[in-house]
Amino acid sequence: REVLSSVVSSQVDLHARFGGVVPEIA
């Protein structure tokens, strides 16, 4: 019920030039 914290680190910049998620890089 109560979210004390929520941290998300996005990898969008790493995968953008490939046009999609690259599993090994992820």
PDB file of all heavy atoms in Angstrom:
ATOM      1  N   ARG A   1       0.806  -1.216   0.000  1.00  0.00           N
ATOM      2  CA  ARG A   1       0.000   0.000   0.000  1.00  0.00           C
ATOM      3  C   ARG A   1       0.845   1.275   0.000  1.00  0.00           C
ATOM      4  O   ARG A   1       0.546   2.220  -0.706  1.00  0.00           O
ATOM      5  CB  ARG A   1      -0.917   0.040   1.233  1.00  0.00           C
ATOM      6  CG  ARG A   1      -2.027  -0.991   1.221  1.00  0.00           C
ATOM      7  CD  ARG A   1      -2.745  -1.025   2.562  1.00  0.00           C
ATOM      8  NE  ARG A   1      -3.845  -1.990   2.575  1.00  0.00           N
ATOM      9  CZ  ARG A   1      -5.112  -1.673   2.384  1.00  0.00           C
ATOM     10  NH1 ARG A   1      -5.442  -0.420   2.164  1.00  0.00           N
ATOM     11  NH2 ARG A   1      -6.058  -2.595   2.404  1.00  0.00           N
ATOM     12  N   GLU A   2       1.878   1.280   0.822  1.00  0.00           N
ATOM     13  CA  GLU A   2       2.667   2.494   1.023  1.00  0.00           C
ATOM     14  C   GLU A   2       4.032   2.365   0.350  1.00  0.00           C
ATOM     15  O   GLU A   2       4.845   1.523   0.728  1.00  0.00           O
ATOM     16  CB  GLU A   2       2.847   2.763   2.515  1.00  0.00           C
ATOM     17  CG  GLU A   2       3.603   4.046   2.818  1.00  0.00           C
ATOM     18  CD  GLU A   2       3.833   4.240   4.304  1.00  0.00           C
ATOM     19  OE1 GLU A   2       3.398   3.379   5.106  1.00  0.00           O
ATOM     20  OE2 GLU A   2       4.463   5.257   4.669  1.00  0.00           O
ATOM     21  N   VAL A   3       4.290   3.207  -0.635  1.00  0.00           N
ATOM     22  CA  VAL A   3       5.571   3.192  -1.341  1.00  0.00           C
ATOM     23  C   VAL A   3       6.540   4.124  -0.621  1.00  0.00           C
ATOM     24  O   VAL A   3       6.395   5.344  -0.663  1.00  0.00           O
ATOM     25  CB  VAL A   3       5.405   3.641  -2.805  1.00  0.00           C
ATOM     26  CG1 VAL A   3       6.753   3.617  -3.528  1.00  0.00           C
ATOM     27  CG2 VAL A   3       4.400   2.746  -3.523  1.00  0.00           C
ATOM     28  N   LEU A   4       7.521   3.539   0.049  1.00  0.00           N
ATOM     29  CA  LEU A   4       8.521   4.344   0.749  1.00  0.00           C
ATOM     30  C   LEU A   4       9.582   4.873  -0.209  1.00  0.00           C
ATOM     31  O   LEU A   4      10.139   5.941   0.014  1.00  0.00           O
ATOM     32  CB  LEU A   4       9.190   3.512   1.854  1.00  0.00           C
ATOM     33  CG  LEU A   4       8.294   2.989   2.980  1.00  0.00           C
ATOM     34  CD1 LEU A   4       9.143   2.276   4.028  1.00  0.00           C
ATOM     35  CD2 LEU A   4       7.501   4.122   3.610  1.00  0.00           C
ATOM     36  N   SER A   5       9.848   4.114  -1.265  1.00  0.00           N
ATOM     37  CA  SER A   5      10.820   4.554  -2.267  1.00  0.00           C
ATOM     38  C   SER A   5      10.610   3.776  -3.546  1.00  0.00           C
ATOM     39  O   SER A   5      10.115   2.647  -3.534  1.00  0.00           O
ATOM     40  CB  SER A   5      12.257   4.349  -1.773  1.00  0.00           C
ATOM     41  OG  SER A   5      12.544   2.959  -1.622  1.00  0.00           O
ATOM     42  N   SER A   6      10.965   4.393  -4.655  1.00  0.00           N
ATOM     43  CA  SER A   6      10.919   3.716  -5.956  1.00  0.00           C
ATOM     44  C   SER A   6      11.953   4.361  -6.861  1.00  0.00           C
ATOM     45  O   SER A   6      11.806   5.514  -7.261  1.00  0.00           O
ATOM     46  CB  SER A   6       9.521   3.825  -6.577  1.00  0.00           C
ATOM     47  OG  SER A   6       9.471   3.146  -7.827  1.00  0.00           O
ATOM     48  N   VAL A   7      13.002   3.615  -7.161  1.00  0.00           N
ATOM     49  CA  VAL A   7      14.107   4.127  -7.962  1.00  0.00           C
ATOM     50  C   VAL A   7      14.195   3.326  -9.260  1.00  0.00           C
ATOM     51  O   VAL A   7      14.219   2.092  -9.228  1.00  0.00           O
ATOM     52  CB  VAL A   7      15.445   4.026  -7.206  1.00  0.00           C
ATOM     53  CG1 VAL A   7      16.598   4.517  -8.083  1.00  0.00           C
ATOM     54  CG2 VAL A   7      15.381   4.827  -5.904  1.00  0.00           C
ATOM     55  N   VAL A   8      14.200   4.019 -10.385  1.00  0.00           N
ATOM     56  CA  VAL A   8      14.305   3.368 -11.694  1.00  0.00           C
ATOM     57  C   VAL A   8      15.428   4.016 -12.480  1.00  0.00           C
ATOM     58  O   VAL A   8      15.457   5.234 -12.646  1.00  0.00           O
ATOM     59  CB  VAL A   8      12.989   3.483 -12.498  1.00  0.00           C
ATOM     60  CG1 VAL A   8      13.149   2.789 -13.849  1.00  0.00           C
ATOM     61  CG2 VAL A   8      11.813   2.896 -11.727  1.00  0.00           C
ATOM     62  N   SER A   9      16.354   3.191 -12.966  1.00  0.00           N
ATOM     63  CA  SER A   9      17.432   3.676 -13.820  1.00  0.00           C
ATOM     64  C   SER A   9      17.171   3.168 -15.231  1.00  0.00           C
ATOM     65  O   SER A   9      17.214   1.960 -15.488  1.00  0.00           O
ATOM     66  CB  SER A   9      18.792   3.179 -13.319  1.00  0.00           C
ATOM     67  OG  SER A   9      19.830   3.650 -14.156  1.00  0.00           O
ATOM     68  N   SER A  10      16.867   4.074 -16.149  1.00  0.00           N
ATOM     69  CA  SER A  10      16.529   3.701 -17.512  1.00  0.00           C
ATOM     70  C   SER A  10      17.775   3.517 -18.372  1.00  0.00           C
ATOM     71  O   SER A  10      18.772   4.221 -18.213  1.00  0.00           O
ATOM     72  CB  SER A  10      15.630   4.771 -18.144  1.00  0.00           C
ATOM     73  OG  SER A  10      15.421   4.509 -19.512  1.00  0.00           O
ATOM     74  N   GLN A  11      17.684   2.556 -19.300  1.00  0.00           N
ATOM     75  CA  GLN A  11      18.778   2.305 -20.239  1.00  0.00           C
ATOM     76  C   GLN A  11      18.435   2.796 -21.643  1.00  0.00           C
ATOM     77  O   GLN A  11      19.090   2.399 -22.613  1.00  0.00           O
ATOM     78  CB  GLN A  11      19.079   0.801 -20.294  1.00  0.00           C
ATOM     79  CG  GLN A  11      19.526   0.169 -19.002  1.00  0.00           C
ATOM     80  CD  GLN A  11      19.790  -1.324 -19.173  1.00  0.00           C
ATOM     81  OE1 GLN A  11      19.936  -1.823 -20.282  1.00  0.00           O
ATOM     82  NE2 GLN A  11      19.835  -2.042 -18.068  1.00  0.00           N
ATOM     83  N   VAL A  12      17.424   3.626 -21.770  1.00  0.00           N
ATOM     84  CA  VAL A  12      16.961   4.054 -23.095  1.00  0.00           C
ATOM     85  C   VAL A  12      18.101   4.594 -23.946  1.00  0.00           C
ATOM     86  O   VAL A  12      18.222   4.266 -25.136  1.00  0.00           O
ATOM     87  CB  VAL A  12      15.849   5.124 -22.966  1.00  0.00           C
ATOM     88  CG1 VAL A  12      15.586   5.787 -24.316  1.00  0.00           C
ATOM     89  CG2 VAL A  12      14.567   4.482 -22.459  1.00  0.00           C
ATOM     90  N   ASP A  13      18.949   5.410 -23.367  1.00  0.00           N
ATOM     91  CA  ASP A  13      20.036   6.019 -24.136  1.00  0.00           C
ATOM     92  C   ASP A  13      21.012   4.976 -24.688  1.00  0.00           C
ATOM     93  O   ASP A  13      21.600   5.164 -25.754  1.00  0.00           O
ATOM     94  CB  ASP A  13      20.805   7.022 -23.269  1.00  0.00           C
ATOM     95  CG  ASP A  13      19.970   8.254 -22.932  1.00  0.00           C
ATOM     96  OD1 ASP A  13      18.960   8.468 -23.625  1.00  0.00           O
ATOM     97  OD2 ASP A  13      20.322   8.972 -21.982  1.00  0.00           O
ATOM     98  N   LEU A  14      21.168   3.854 -23.949  1.00  0.00           N
ATOM     99  CA  LEU A  14      22.080   2.805 -24.395  1.00  0.00           C
ATOM    100  C   LEU A  14      21.545   2.062 -25.613  1.00  0.00           C
ATOM    101  O   LEU A  14      22.317   1.603 -26.462  1.00  0.00           O
ATOM    102  CB  LEU A  14      22.327   1.798 -23.265  1.00  0.00           C
ATOM    103  CG  LEU A  14      23.049   2.300 -22.021  1.00  0.00           C
ATOM    104  CD1 LEU A  14      23.132   1.187 -20.982  1.00  0.00           C
ATOM    105  CD2 LEU A  14      24.461   2.776 -22.384  1.00  0.00           C
ATOM    106  N   HIS A  15      20.220   1.944 -25.700  1.00  0.00           N
ATOM    107  CA  HIS A  15      19.611   1.125 -26.742  1.00  0.00           C
ATOM    108  C   HIS A  15      19.031   1.937 -27.906  1.00  0.00           C
ATOM    109  O   HIS A  15      18.708   1.368 -28.950  1.00  0.00           O
ATOM    110  CB  HIS A  15      18.500   0.256 -26.146  1.00  0.00           C
ATOM    111  CG  HIS A  15      18.968  -0.630 -25.032  1.00  0.00           C
ATOM    112  ND1 HIS A  15      19.629  -1.825 -25.255  1.00  0.00           N
ATOM    113  CD2 HIS A  15      18.877  -0.500 -23.684  1.00  0.00           C
ATOM    114  CE1 HIS A  15      19.919  -2.388 -24.096  1.00  0.00           C
ATOM    115  NE2 HIS A  15      19.473  -1.605 -23.123  1.00  0.00           N
ATOM    116  N   ALA A  16      18.889   3.250 -27.731  1.00  0.00           N
ATOM    117  CA  ALA A  16      18.205   4.084 -28.726  1.00  0.00           C
ATOM    118  C   ALA A  16      18.833   3.968 -30.113  1.00  0.00           C
ATOM    119  O   ALA A  16      18.130   3.874 -31.120  1.00  0.00           O
ATOM    120  CB  ALA A  16      18.202   5.542 -28.271  1.00  0.00           C
ATOM    121  N   ARG A  17      20.142   3.957 -30.196  1.00  0.00           N
ATOM    122  CA  ARG A  17      20.783   3.939 -31.517  1.00  0.00           C
ATOM    123  C   ARG A  17      20.605   2.610 -32.233  1.00  0.00           C
ATOM    124  O   ARG A  17      20.834   2.503 -33.437  1.00  0.00           O
ATOM    125  CB  ARG A  17      22.274   4.277 -31.397  1.00  0.00           C
ATOM    126  CG  ARG A  17      23.124   3.290 -30.639  1.00  0.00           C
ATOM    127  CD  ARG A  17      24.495   3.904 -30.365  1.00  0.00           C
ATOM    128  NE  ARG A  17      25.381   3.025 -29.625  1.00  0.00           N
ATOM    129  CZ  ARG A  17      26.364   2.326 -30.187  1.00  0.00           C
ATOM    130  NH1 ARG A  17      26.563   2.399 -31.494  1.00  0.00           N
ATOM    131  NH2 ARG A  17      27.154   1.577 -29.446  1.00  0.00           N
ATOM    132  N   PHE A  18      20.184   1.573 -31.490  1.00  0.00           N
ATOM    133  CA  PHE A  18      19.929   0.276 -32.107  1.00  0.00           C
ATOM    134  C   PHE A  18      18.457   0.096 -32.467  1.00  0.00           C
ATOM    135  O   PHE A  18      18.073  -0.905 -33.068  1.00  0.00           O
ATOM    136  CB  PHE A  18      20.362  -0.855 -31.172  1.00  0.00           C
ATOM    137  CG  PHE A  18      21.816  -0.813 -30.798  1.00  0.00           C
ATOM    138  CD1 PHE A  18      22.218  -0.362 -29.551  1.00  0.00           C
ATOM    139  CD2 PHE A  18      22.795  -1.207 -31.706  1.00  0.00           C
ATOM    140  CE1 PHE A  18      23.551  -0.320 -29.200  1.00  0.00           C
ATOM    141  CE2 PHE A  18      24.133  -1.165 -31.367  1.00  0.00           C
ATOM    142  CZ  PHE A  18      24.519  -0.708 -30.111  1.00  0.00           C
ATOM    143  N   GLY A  19      17.606   1.035 -32.053  1.00  0.00           N
ATOM    144  CA  GLY A  19      16.189   0.962 -32.361  1.00  0.00           C
ATOM    145  C   GLY A  19      15.433  -0.048 -31.536  1.00  0.00           C
ATOM    146  O   GLY A  19      14.288  -0.393 -31.839  1.00  0.00           O
ATOM    147  N   GLY A  20      16.035  -0.554 -30.468  1.00  0.00           N
ATOM    148  CA  GLY A  20      15.388  -1.544 -29.608  1.00  0.00           C
ATOM    149  C   GLY A  20      16.374  -2.062 -28.585  1.00  0.00           C
ATOM    150  O   GLY A  20      17.564  -1.707 -28.608  1.00  0.00           O
ATOM    151  N   VAL A  21      15.894  -2.903 -27.685  1.00  0.00           N
ATOM    152  CA  VAL A  21      16.737  -3.402 -26.598  1.00  0.00           C
ATOM    153  C   VAL A  21      17.696  -4.483 -27.095  1.00  0.00           C
ATOM    154  O   VAL A  21      17.290  -5.450 -27.745  1.00  0.00           O
ATOM    155  CB  VAL A  21      15.859  -3.987 -25.465  1.00  0.00           C
ATOM    156  CG1 VAL A  21      16.737  -4.567 -24.365  1.00  0.00           C
ATOM    157  CG2 VAL A  21      14.951  -2.907 -24.905  1.00  0.00           C
ATOM    158  N   VAL A  22      18.972  -4.326 -26.786  1.00  0.00           N
ATOM    159  CA  VAL A  22      19.990  -5.331 -27.088  1.00  0.00           C
ATOM    160  C   VAL A  22      20.235  -6.126 -25.802  1.00  0.00           C
ATOM    161  O   VAL A  22      20.745  -5.579 -24.819  1.00  0.00           O
ATOM    162  CB  VAL A  22      21.304  -4.674 -27.564  1.00  0.00           C
ATOM    163  CG1 VAL A  22      22.340  -5.750 -27.880  1.00  0.00           C
ATOM    164  CG2 VAL A  22      21.050  -3.791 -28.780  1.00  0.00           C
ATOM    165  N   PRO A  23      19.849  -7.403 -25.760  1.00  0.00           N
ATOM    166  CA  PRO A  23      19.918  -8.184 -24.518  1.00  0.00           C
ATOM    167  C   PRO A  23      21.271  -8.168 -23.817  1.00  0.00           C
ATOM    168  O   PRO A  23      21.336  -8.012 -22.592  1.00  0.00           O
ATOM    169  CB  PRO A  23      19.545  -9.604 -24.981  1.00  0.00           C
ATOM    170  CG  PRO A  23      18.653  -9.369 -26.158  1.00  0.00           C
ATOM    171  CD  PRO A  23      19.239  -8.188 -26.866  1.00  0.00           C
ATOM    172  N   GLU A  24      22.351  -8.334 -24.555  1.00  0.00           N
ATOM    173  CA  GLU A  24      23.679  -8.379 -23.940  1.00  0.00           C
ATOM    174  C   GLU A  24      24.020  -7.042 -23.270  1.00  0.00           C
ATOM    175  O   GLU A  24      24.540  -7.006 -22.153  1.00  0.00           O
ATOM    176  CB  GLU A  24      24.737  -8.712 -24.998  1.00  0.00           C
ATOM    177  CG  GLU A  24      26.176  -8.678 -24.498  1.00  0.00           C
ATOM    178  CD  GLU A  24      26.485  -9.750 -23.462  1.00  0.00           C
ATOM    179  OE1 GLU A  24      25.702 -10.703 -23.331  1.00  0.00           O
ATOM    180  OE2 GLU A  24      27.512  -9.623 -22.780  1.00  0.00           O
ATOM    181  N   ILE A  25      23.709  -5.944 -23.942  1.00  0.00           N
ATOM    182  CA  ILE A  25      23.963  -4.621 -23.367  1.00  0.00           C
ATOM    183  C   ILE A  25      23.108  -4.416 -22.128  1.00  0.00           C
ATOM    184  O   ILE A  25      23.574  -3.882 -21.113  1.00  0.00           O
ATOM    185  CB  ILE A  25      23.680  -3.516 -24.407  1.00  0.00           C
ATOM    186  CG1 ILE A  25      24.686  -3.609 -25.555  1.00  0.00           C
ATOM    187  CG2 ILE A  25      23.710  -2.130 -23.759  1.00  0.00           C
ATOM    188  CD1 ILE A  25      24.429  -2.614 -26.676  1.00  0.00           C
ATOM    189  N   ALA A  26      21.858  -4.865 -22.185  1.00  0.00           N
ATOM    190  CA  ALA A  26      20.948  -4.700 -21.050  1.00  0.00           C
ATOM    191  C   ALA A  26      21.454  -5.431 -19.816  1.00  0.00           C
ATOM    192  O   ALA A  26      21.479  -4.874 -18.706  1.00  0.00           O
ATOM    193  CB  ALA A  26      19.554  -5.197 -21.425  1.00  0.00           C
TER     194      ALA A  26
END
